[in-house]
Amino acid sequence: MNEFELIDEIVHALGRAAAGTWVRLGPGDDSAVTAVPPGAELVSSIDALVADVHFPGAADPELIGYRAMMVSASDLAAMGAGPGFALVALSLERDDAAWLRGLGRGMGEACIELGLPLVGGNLARGPVTIAVSVHGFAPAGTALRRSGARPGDGVFVTGSLGLAAAAVARGGLDAARPGDLDPLAAGYFRPRARLEAGQRLRGVATSLIDLSDGLLQDLGHVCTASGVGAELVGAAIPVADGVRREHVLGGSDDYELCFTAPAEPPALGIPVTRIGTIVAEPGVRLDGAPASGGYQHFGRG
């Protein structure tokens, strides 16, 4: 099949996931055309997901597609943005229409759940890579940042942590299938971008980040950006069932939210746990001892 026939396969698999409130022109032209809500600012992010780095290359393409969209949209949640639209650029080593249809189904499912239409993209030959550009909206001046944490703020996380890291440590993700995922595999392949919770935190949280690279590392980014430190209570950290504590502290890929706030937040529609306090002294400490860990693309050593 040629490039254009393969693109048609993806668009067909997406179905209604390519249409949305702000979409004026979707896939099929040289560019998409979208509208921006009155009084809103555009919030944008891009992720490149590489086979056998960000996902198992031999995994089911439907699971890969769903994961790719959710982990990318999590960056919008981390800013308190609502969903706008997404673009995807793919590079593939061969013209595999069945694989592309599966990828499109997974992406389409995630896009519909998120309310984030996929309005266009590009396809080229090369090592398997999925680049997802996500765009959302927030009322002008309300987008949340990493840099607002202040001493005395509480440190909070949503959900429970460690499932994806435990799944990677266990192995066997290549054999996972969409209709038969255990809790660990589901934590890896079917994370949820917390868009609604992020929007509810506008005007409440002083800082916000999503846990893509691990609790300690991502909270460390907040502390560095804010010029503060954090004291964590180990027993308070919500560890998922069947997960060891080291998966939470040294692992990654939770895509829950970590935020700071001067008081208990209002109901977010999902579990929220206070795990510590922001302090003036720089650095992240766990039960009084310096703590670090998490995923790095270019680690030293």
Protein backbone atom coordinates (compact mmCIF):
# COMPACT_ATOMS: atom_id res chain seq x y z
CA MET A 1 0.00 0.00 0.00
CA ASN A 2 1.20 3.54 -0.62
CA GLU A 3 1.45 6.34 1.95
CA PHE A 4 -1.97 7.80 1.16
CA GLU A 5 -3.75 4.45 1.34
CA LEU A 6 -2.17 3.84 4.73
CA ILE A 7 -3.29 7.27 5.95
CA ASP A 8 -6.82 6.41 4.80
CA GLU A 9 -6.65 3.26 6.94
CA ILE A 10 -5.83 5.34 10.02
CA VAL A 11 -8.54 7.93 9.34
CA HIS A 12 -11.12 5.20 8.82
CA ALA A 13 -10.09 3.50 12.08
CA LEU A 14 -10.40 6.80 13.96
CA GLY A 15 -14.03 7.27 12.96
CA ARG A 16 -15.74 9.99 14.99
CA ALA A 17 -12.55 10.61 17.00
CA ALA A 18 -11.51 13.06 14.25
CA ALA A 19 -14.42 15.47 14.87
CA GLY A 20 -15.02 17.88 17.74
CA THR A 21 -16.43 21.19 18.91
CA TRP A 22 -13.38 23.25 17.94
CA VAL A 23 -12.60 21.42 14.68
CA ARG A 24 -13.40 23.37 11.53
CA LEU A 25 -11.40 21.13 9.16
CA GLY A 26 -10.00 17.75 10.14
CA PRO A 27 -7.85 15.11 8.38
CA GLY A 28 -7.52 15.19 4.61
CA ASP A 29 -6.09 18.61 3.75
CA ASP A 30 -2.61 20.13 4.09
CA SER A 31 -3.47 21.48 7.54
CA ALA A 32 -6.25 21.24 10.08
CA VAL A 33 -8.33 24.28 10.99
CA THR A 34 -9.50 24.75 14.58
CA ALA A 35 -11.14 27.47 16.63
CA VAL A 36 -10.08 28.80 20.05
CA PRO A 37 -12.77 29.52 22.67
CA PRO A 38 -13.24 33.21 23.46
CA GLY A 39 -11.05 34.39 26.33
CA ALA A 40 -8.95 31.22 26.31
CA GLU A 41 -5.23 30.58 25.89
CA LEU A 42 -3.82 27.68 23.90
CA VAL A 43 -1.80 25.11 25.90
CA SER A 44 0.42 22.86 23.76
CA SER A 45 2.75 19.91 24.26
CA ILE A 46 4.44 17.25 22.13
CA ASP A 47 5.76 13.78 22.97
CA ALA A 48 7.82 11.38 20.85
CA LEU A 49 7.19 7.75 21.80
CA VAL A 50 9.83 5.35 20.47
CA ALA A 51 9.33 1.60 20.09
CA ASP A 52 11.09 -0.43 22.81
CA VAL A 53 11.77 2.76 24.78
CA HIS A 54 8.30 4.13 25.54
CA PHE A 55 6.31 1.02 24.61
CA PRO A 56 7.12 -2.60 23.69
CA GLY A 57 7.48 -2.68 19.92
CA ALA A 58 5.85 -6.11 19.66
CA ALA A 59 2.82 -5.18 21.79
CA ASP A 60 -0.73 -5.09 20.46
CA PRO A 61 -1.09 -1.90 18.35
CA GLU A 62 -4.49 -1.07 19.87
CA LEU A 63 -2.88 -0.92 23.31
CA ILE A 64 0.01 1.14 21.93
CA GLY A 65 -2.37 3.64 20.34
CA TYR A 66 -4.46 4.08 23.48
CA ARG A 67 -1.39 4.54 25.66
CA ALA A 68 0.22 7.00 23.24
CA MET A 69 -2.78 9.34 23.33
CA MET A 70 -3.36 9.14 27.09
CA VAL A 71 0.24 9.75 28.14
CA SER A 72 0.48 12.71 25.75
CA ALA A 73 -2.81 14.23 26.93
CA SER A 74 -1.58 13.95 30.52
CA ASP A 75 0.61 17.01 29.83
CA LEU A 76 -2.56 19.05 29.34
CA ALA A 77 -3.91 17.81 32.67
CA ALA A 78 -0.64 18.90 34.27
CA MET A 79 -1.39 22.48 33.23
CA GLY A 80 -5.07 22.46 34.21
CA ALA A 81 -6.09 22.67 30.55
CA GLY A 82 -9.24 21.33 28.96
CA PRO A 83 -9.11 19.24 25.76
CA GLY A 84 -8.70 20.90 22.38
CA PHE A 85 -7.24 18.72 19.62
CA ALA A 86 -4.29 16.47 18.75
CA LEU A 87 -1.95 15.80 15.82
CA VAL A 88 0.07 12.62 15.25
CA ALA A 89 3.18 11.93 13.15
CA LEU A 90 4.14 8.28 12.61
CA SER A 91 7.21 6.63 11.22
CA LEU A 92 6.94 2.93 10.34
CA GLU A 93 9.44 0.41 9.06
CA ARG A 94 6.93 -1.29 6.71
CA ASP A 95 3.46 -0.79 5.23
CA ASP A 96 1.39 -2.81 7.70
CA ALA A 97 -2.26 -1.82 7.24
CA ALA A 98 -3.56 -4.20 9.93
CA TRP A 99 -1.15 -2.73 12.50
CA LEU A 100 -2.22 0.79 11.56
CA ARG A 101 -5.90 -0.09 11.90
CA GLY A 102 -5.25 -1.41 15.41
CA LEU A 103 -3.25 1.69 16.32
CA GLY A 104 -6.06 3.88 14.99
CA ARG A 105 -8.68 2.02 17.00
CA GLY A 106 -6.70 2.49 20.20
CA MET A 107 -6.05 6.17 19.52
CA GLY A 108 -9.67 6.71 18.58
CA GLU A 109 -10.94 5.12 21.79
CA ALA A 110 -8.66 7.34 23.88
CA CYS A 111 -9.56 10.48 21.92
CA ILE A 112 -13.29 9.88 22.37
CA GLU A 113 -12.86 9.29 26.11
CA LEU A 114 -10.81 12.48 26.40
CA GLY A 115 -12.95 14.63 24.13
CA LEU A 116 -9.72 15.34 22.24
CA PRO A 117 -10.25 15.01 18.46
CA LEU A 118 -7.32 13.87 16.34
CA VAL A 119 -7.39 16.35 13.46
CA GLY A 120 -4.41 15.36 11.31
CA GLY A 121 -0.85 14.12 11.07
CA ASN A 122 1.86 12.63 8.91
CA LEU A 123 3.26 9.23 7.94
CA ALA A 124 6.84 8.37 6.92
CA ARG A 125 9.16 5.37 6.66
CA GLY A 126 11.66 4.90 9.48
CA PRO A 127 12.14 3.41 12.96
CA VAL A 128 8.78 2.99 14.69
CA THR A 129 8.03 6.29 16.40
CA ILE A 130 4.77 7.95 17.39
CA ALA A 131 4.93 11.73 17.88
CA VAL A 132 1.77 13.13 19.46
CA SER A 133 1.15 16.87 19.68
CA VAL A 134 -1.69 17.79 22.04
CA HIS A 135 -3.38 21.16 22.39
CA GLY A 136 -5.84 22.33 25.02
CA PHE A 137 -7.48 25.46 26.32
CA ALA A 138 -7.50 27.30 29.64
CA PRO A 139 -9.12 30.63 30.53
CA ALA A 140 -6.51 33.36 30.09
CA GLY A 141 -4.11 33.51 33.02
CA THR A 142 -5.32 30.31 34.73
CA ALA A 143 -2.97 27.63 33.39
CA LEU A 144 -1.15 25.96 36.28
CA ARG A 145 2.64 25.74 36.49
CA ARG A 146 5.35 23.95 38.43
CA SER A 147 6.66 27.14 39.94
CA GLY A 148 4.05 28.20 42.50
CA ALA A 149 4.66 25.91 45.50
CA ARG A 150 5.22 27.74 48.80
CA PRO A 151 6.41 26.59 52.26
CA GLY A 152 3.47 25.28 54.26
CA ASP A 153 1.58 23.95 51.22
CA GLY A 154 0.49 20.35 51.36
CA VAL A 155 1.77 17.88 48.74
CA PHE A 156 -1.01 15.78 47.21
CA VAL A 157 -1.29 12.98 44.63
CA THR A 158 -4.27 11.54 42.82
CA GLY A 159 -5.04 7.84 42.55
CA SER A 160 -2.60 5.11 43.56
CA LEU A 161 0.92 4.64 42.27
CA GLY A 162 3.31 2.01 40.96
CA LEU A 163 1.24 -0.24 38.66
CA ALA A 164 3.06 0.58 35.42
CA ALA A 165 6.53 0.30 36.95
CA ALA A 166 5.59 -3.05 38.49
CA ALA A 167 4.32 -4.22 35.09
CA VAL A 168 7.62 -3.31 33.43
CA ALA A 169 9.59 -5.03 36.20
CA ARG A 170 7.49 -8.19 35.82
CA GLY A 171 7.82 -8.26 32.03
CA GLY A 172 5.59 -9.98 29.51
CA LEU A 173 3.90 -6.82 28.21
CA ASP A 174 4.38 -7.99 24.60
CA ALA A 175 1.78 -10.70 25.25
CA ALA A 176 -0.93 -8.36 26.62
CA ARG A 177 -4.23 -8.19 24.73
CA PRO A 178 -6.87 -5.43 24.87
CA GLY A 179 -9.65 -7.58 26.29
CA ASP A 180 -7.57 -9.43 28.86
CA LEU A 181 -5.43 -7.08 30.96
CA ASP A 182 -4.58 -7.74 34.59
CA PRO A 183 -4.25 -4.69 36.90
CA LEU A 184 -0.52 -4.27 36.28
CA ALA A 185 -0.78 -4.42 32.49
CA ALA A 186 -3.82 -2.12 32.58
CA GLY A 187 -1.82 0.37 34.65
CA TYR A 188 0.82 0.43 31.91
CA PHE A 189 -1.28 0.31 28.74
CA ARG A 190 -4.43 2.10 29.90
CA PRO A 191 -3.41 5.06 32.09
CA ARG A 192 -5.93 7.89 32.40
CA ALA A 193 -5.02 11.49 31.66
CA ARG A 194 -6.62 13.40 34.56
CA LEU A 195 -8.01 16.27 32.49
CA GLU A 196 -11.10 16.89 34.62
CA ALA A 197 -9.15 16.86 37.87
CA GLY A 198 -6.56 19.24 36.43
CA GLN A 199 -9.24 21.72 35.43
CA ARG A 200 -10.84 21.56 38.89
CA LEU A 201 -7.47 22.47 40.39
CA ARG A 202 -7.31 25.84 38.62
CA GLY A 203 -7.42 28.52 41.28
CA VAL A 204 -6.88 25.87 43.99
CA ALA A 205 -3.43 24.35 43.44
CA THR A 206 -0.29 26.46 43.74
CA SER A 207 1.67 24.09 41.49
CA LEU A 208 0.88 21.02 39.40
CA ILE A 209 2.74 18.28 37.49
CA ASP A 210 1.88 14.86 36.11
CA LEU A 211 3.83 11.83 37.28
CA SER A 212 5.41 10.69 34.05
CA ASP A 213 8.98 10.16 35.25
CA GLY A 214 8.30 9.08 38.84
CA LEU A 215 7.06 10.67 42.06
CA LEU A 216 10.43 11.70 43.47
CA GLN A 217 11.82 13.06 40.21
CA ASP A 218 8.67 14.95 39.18
CA LEU A 219 8.14 16.44 42.63
CA GLY A 220 11.80 17.42 42.48
CA HIS A 221 11.03 19.41 39.31
CA VAL A 222 8.31 21.28 41.20
CA CYS A 223 10.64 22.03 44.08
CA THR A 224 13.40 23.27 41.76
CA ALA A 225 11.03 25.48 39.78
CA SER A 226 9.49 26.87 42.97
CA GLY A 227 12.74 27.31 44.92
CA VAL A 228 11.50 25.11 47.80
CA GLY A 229 11.82 21.58 49.20
CA ALA A 230 9.42 18.83 50.21
CA GLU A 231 9.10 16.55 53.23
CA LEU A 232 7.27 13.32 52.36
CA VAL A 233 5.75 10.74 54.71
CA GLY A 234 6.40 7.29 53.30
CA ALA A 235 3.44 5.63 54.98
CA ALA A 236 1.07 8.18 53.41
CA ILE A 237 2.04 7.46 49.78
CA PRO A 238 -0.81 5.50 48.10
CA VAL A 239 0.84 2.33 46.80
CA ALA A 240 -1.38 0.32 44.44
CA ASP A 241 -2.35 -3.25 45.32
CA GLY A 242 0.24 -5.80 44.25
CA VAL A 243 2.99 -3.17 43.98
CA ARG A 244 6.18 -2.82 45.99
CA ARG A 245 7.23 0.53 47.41
CA GLU A 246 10.35 0.67 45.24
CA HIS A 247 8.15 0.63 42.12
CA VAL A 248 6.55 3.86 43.33
CA LEU A 249 9.74 5.60 44.42
CA GLY A 250 12.06 4.53 41.59
CA GLY A 251 9.57 3.83 38.80
CA SER A 252 7.62 5.96 36.36
CA ASP A 253 4.59 6.05 34.05
CA ASP A 254 1.84 6.59 36.62
CA TYR A 255 0.37 9.69 34.91
CA GLU A 256 -1.43 10.67 38.07
CA LEU A 257 -1.26 14.29 39.21
CA CYS A 258 0.98 15.66 41.95
CA PHE A 259 0.05 19.12 43.19
CA THR A 260 0.59 21.52 46.05
CA ALA A 261 -2.11 23.54 47.78
CA PRO A 262 -2.43 25.54 51.01
CA ALA A 263 -5.52 23.58 52.10
CA GLU A 264 -7.36 20.35 51.37
CA PRO A 265 -8.65 20.55 47.78
CA PRO A 266 -12.31 20.25 46.85
CA ALA A 267 -13.59 16.92 45.53
CA LEU A 268 -11.86 16.04 42.25
CA GLY A 269 -13.96 12.99 41.42
CA ILE A 270 -11.00 10.66 42.07
CA PRO A 271 -9.06 9.69 45.22
CA VAL A 272 -6.62 12.33 46.50
CA THR A 273 -4.01 11.75 49.23
CA ARG A 274 -1.84 14.20 51.12
CA ILE A 275 1.68 12.76 51.21
CA GLY A 276 3.77 15.59 52.63
CA THR A 277 4.49 19.29 53.06
CA ILE A 278 6.43 21.93 51.15
CA VAL A 279 9.30 23.42 53.18
CA ALA A 280 11.83 26.19 52.62
CA GLU A 281 14.93 23.96 52.59
CA PRO A 282 15.63 22.74 49.03
CA GLY A 283 15.44 19.07 48.09
CA VAL A 284 13.00 16.20 48.46
CA ARG A 285 13.20 14.17 51.67
CA LEU A 286 11.35 10.96 52.49
CA ASP A 287 10.85 10.34 56.21
CA GLY A 288 13.62 12.82 56.88
CA ALA A 289 16.24 11.38 54.47
CA PRO A 290 17.21 12.80 51.06
CA ALA A 291 15.39 10.91 48.29
CA SER A 292 15.67 10.77 44.51
CA GLY A 293 14.82 8.43 41.68
CA GLY A 294 12.80 8.04 38.51
CA TYR A 295 13.18 7.68 34.75
CA GLN A 296 15.79 9.56 32.70
CA HIS A 297 16.40 9.29 28.94
CA PHE A 298 20.06 10.21 29.27
CA GLY A 299 21.15 8.92 32.66
CA ARG A 300 24.68 9.41 33.86
CA GLY A 301 26.96 6.50 34.40
